[in-house]
Amino acid sequence: MARLFLQGSFNVSFDELKTGANDFIGSETNNIVPSSKNDYWNASALAGYALDDRTQIQLQYSYYHANNYFDNSAFSQPYGAESEEHGVIATLTRQLTKRLRWTLKYGFFNNNDILSGHHNDYTAHMVYSSMQYRF
């Protein structure tokens, strides 16, 4: 299995914006200016395999999740974000000559934007190709 490689990552962000106006009127649940939370987490995994000395393939998956929406519209502006995104990318790379490398990628992405009432949801396909020449 010397030709196989794996990579993974996991990130969490705890982010909250507070100002002196946060305690202006009411409690945390009915405040004119509540604390604005922007927590999220994302994870990714990548697996690659060298088919031969000049060709390799990769498969990558990524996930993003935010669940911070706070509907304060009865008192003020609603704050926070709430969305979920999945992405898969398949890559083929071929070393054509000592100095020339070709890459072909296909990606599929799905996003659910709860905050917009799902009006900004999307499913997207990506096709990408590049040539790299090293001097």
Foldseek 3Di string as FASTA:
>chain_A
DVQKDKDKDKDKDWDKDDDPQQPVDDDQQAGLDHIATAIKMKMKMKMKGAPDPFKIKMKMKMKIFWDGWRPNVVRYDIHYFGKIKIKMKIKMKGDPDPFKIKMWMKMWMWMAGVVVVRPPTDIDIDIDMDMGGDD
